[in-house]
C-alpha atoms as a PDB file:
ATOM      1  CA  UNK A   1      -2.438 -14.195   3.919  1.00  0.00           C
ATOM      2  CA  UNK A   2       0.735 -16.191   4.157  1.00  0.00           C
ATOM      3  CA  UNK A   3       2.603 -16.464   7.425  1.00  0.00           C
ATOM      4  CA  UNK A   4       5.583 -14.694   5.817  1.00  0.00           C
ATOM      5  CA  UNK A   5       3.378 -11.793   4.748  1.00  0.00           C
ATOM      6  CA  UNK A   6       1.754 -11.644   8.190  1.00  0.00           C
ATOM      7  CA  UNK A   7       5.140 -11.600   9.939  1.00  0.00           C
ATOM      8  CA  UNK A   8       6.352  -8.785   7.677  1.00  0.00           C
ATOM      9  CA  UNK A   9       3.246  -6.667   8.228  1.00  0.00           C
ATOM     10  CA  UNK A  10       3.198  -7.214  11.995  1.00  0.00           C
ATOM     11  CA  UNK A  11       6.930  -6.792  12.507  1.00  0.00           C
ATOM     12  CA  UNK A  12       7.233  -9.907  14.660  1.00  0.00           C
ATOM     13  CA  UNK A  13       9.140 -13.163  14.269  1.00  0.00           C
ATOM     14  CA  UNK A  14       7.980 -16.559  13.060  1.00  0.00           C
ATOM     15  CA  UNK A  15       8.452 -17.943  16.582  1.00  0.00           C
ATOM     16  CA  UNK A  16       5.911 -15.446  17.917  1.00  0.00           C
ATOM     17  CA  UNK A  17       3.389 -16.293  15.211  1.00  0.00           C
ATOM     18  CA  UNK A  18       3.835 -20.014  15.820  1.00  0.00           C
ATOM     19  CA  UNK A  19       3.287 -19.488  19.546  1.00  0.00           C
ATOM     20  CA  UNK A  20       0.059 -17.597  18.876  1.00  0.00           C
ATOM     21  CA  UNK A  21      -1.158 -20.186  16.346  1.00  0.00           C
ATOM     22  CA  UNK A  22      -0.417 -23.040  18.768  1.00  0.00           C
ATOM     23  CA  UNK A  23      -2.117 -21.316  21.697  1.00  0.00           C
ATOM     24  CA  UNK A  24       1.122 -21.086  23.674  1.00  0.00           C
ATOM     25  CA  UNK A  25       1.053 -17.288  23.800  1.00  0.00           C
ATOM     26  CA  UNK A  26      -1.450 -14.507  23.260  1.00  0.00           C
ATOM     27  CA  UNK A  27      -0.755 -11.205  21.560  1.00  0.00           C
ATOM     28  CA  UNK A  28      -0.890  -8.007  23.581  1.00  0.00           C
ATOM     29  CA  UNK A  29      -3.884  -5.676  23.145  1.00  0.00           C
ATOM     30  CA  UNK A  30      -1.972  -3.536  20.648  1.00  0.00           C
ATOM     31  CA  UNK A  31      -1.062  -6.649  18.660  1.00  0.00           C
ATOM     32  CA  UNK A  32      -4.684  -7.758  18.611  1.00  0.00           C
ATOM     33  CA  UNK A  33      -5.715  -4.365  17.250  1.00  0.00           C
ATOM     34  CA  UNK A  34      -3.079  -4.643  14.509  1.00  0.00           C
ATOM     35  CA  UNK A  35      -4.333  -8.126  13.631  1.00  0.00           C
ATOM     36  CA  UNK A  36      -7.907  -6.836  13.501  1.00  0.00           C
ATOM     37  CA  UNK A  37      -6.868  -4.067  11.095  1.00  0.00           C
ATOM     38  CA  UNK A  38      -5.001  -6.535   8.856  1.00  0.00           C
ATOM     39  CA  UNK A  39      -7.945  -8.936   8.777  1.00  0.00           C
ATOM     40  CA  UNK A  40     -10.313  -6.059   8.011  1.00  0.00           C
ATOM     41  CA  UNK A  41      -8.059  -5.033   5.101  1.00  0.00           C
ATOM     42  CA  UNK A  42      -8.459  -8.532   3.665  1.00  0.00           C
ATOM     43  CA  UNK A  43     -12.044  -7.638   2.752  1.00  0.00           C
ATOM     44  CA  UNK A  44     -14.318 -10.580   2.017  1.00  0.00           C
ATOM     45  CA  UNK A  45     -11.485 -13.074   2.609  1.00  0.00           C
ATOM     46  CA  UNK A  46     -11.211 -11.918   6.225  1.00  0.00           C
ATOM     47  CA  UNK A  47     -14.927 -11.566   6.927  1.00  0.00           C
ATOM     48  CA  UNK A  48     -15.286 -14.939   8.692  1.00  0.00           C
ATOM     49  CA  UNK A  49     -12.210 -14.237  10.833  1.00  0.00           C
ATOM     50  CA  UNK A  50     -13.592 -10.870  11.895  1.00  0.00           C
ATOM     51  CA  UNK A  51     -16.885 -12.447  12.911  1.00  0.00           C
ATOM     52  CA  UNK A  52     -15.200 -15.304  14.783  1.00  0.00           C
ATOM     53  CA  UNK A  53     -12.392 -13.447  16.571  1.00  0.00           C
ATOM     54  CA  UNK A  54     -13.512  -9.811  16.644  1.00  0.00           C
ATOM     55  CA  UNK A  55     -17.276  -9.708  17.209  1.00  0.00           C
ATOM     56  CA  UNK A  56     -18.610  -6.201  17.603  1.00  0.00           C
END
């Protein structure tokens, strides 16, 4: 998923995404849940991300 697509789906700005990617900020719990849902919707492409960042 492109950063532009991610920003549009999450409803946040590029600055926020860059801060998260660079480890400067962390998303709130609600934001993490939204990210988990988006990654899950990616199907097989998001499988590794789910395992790494959202272990059950």
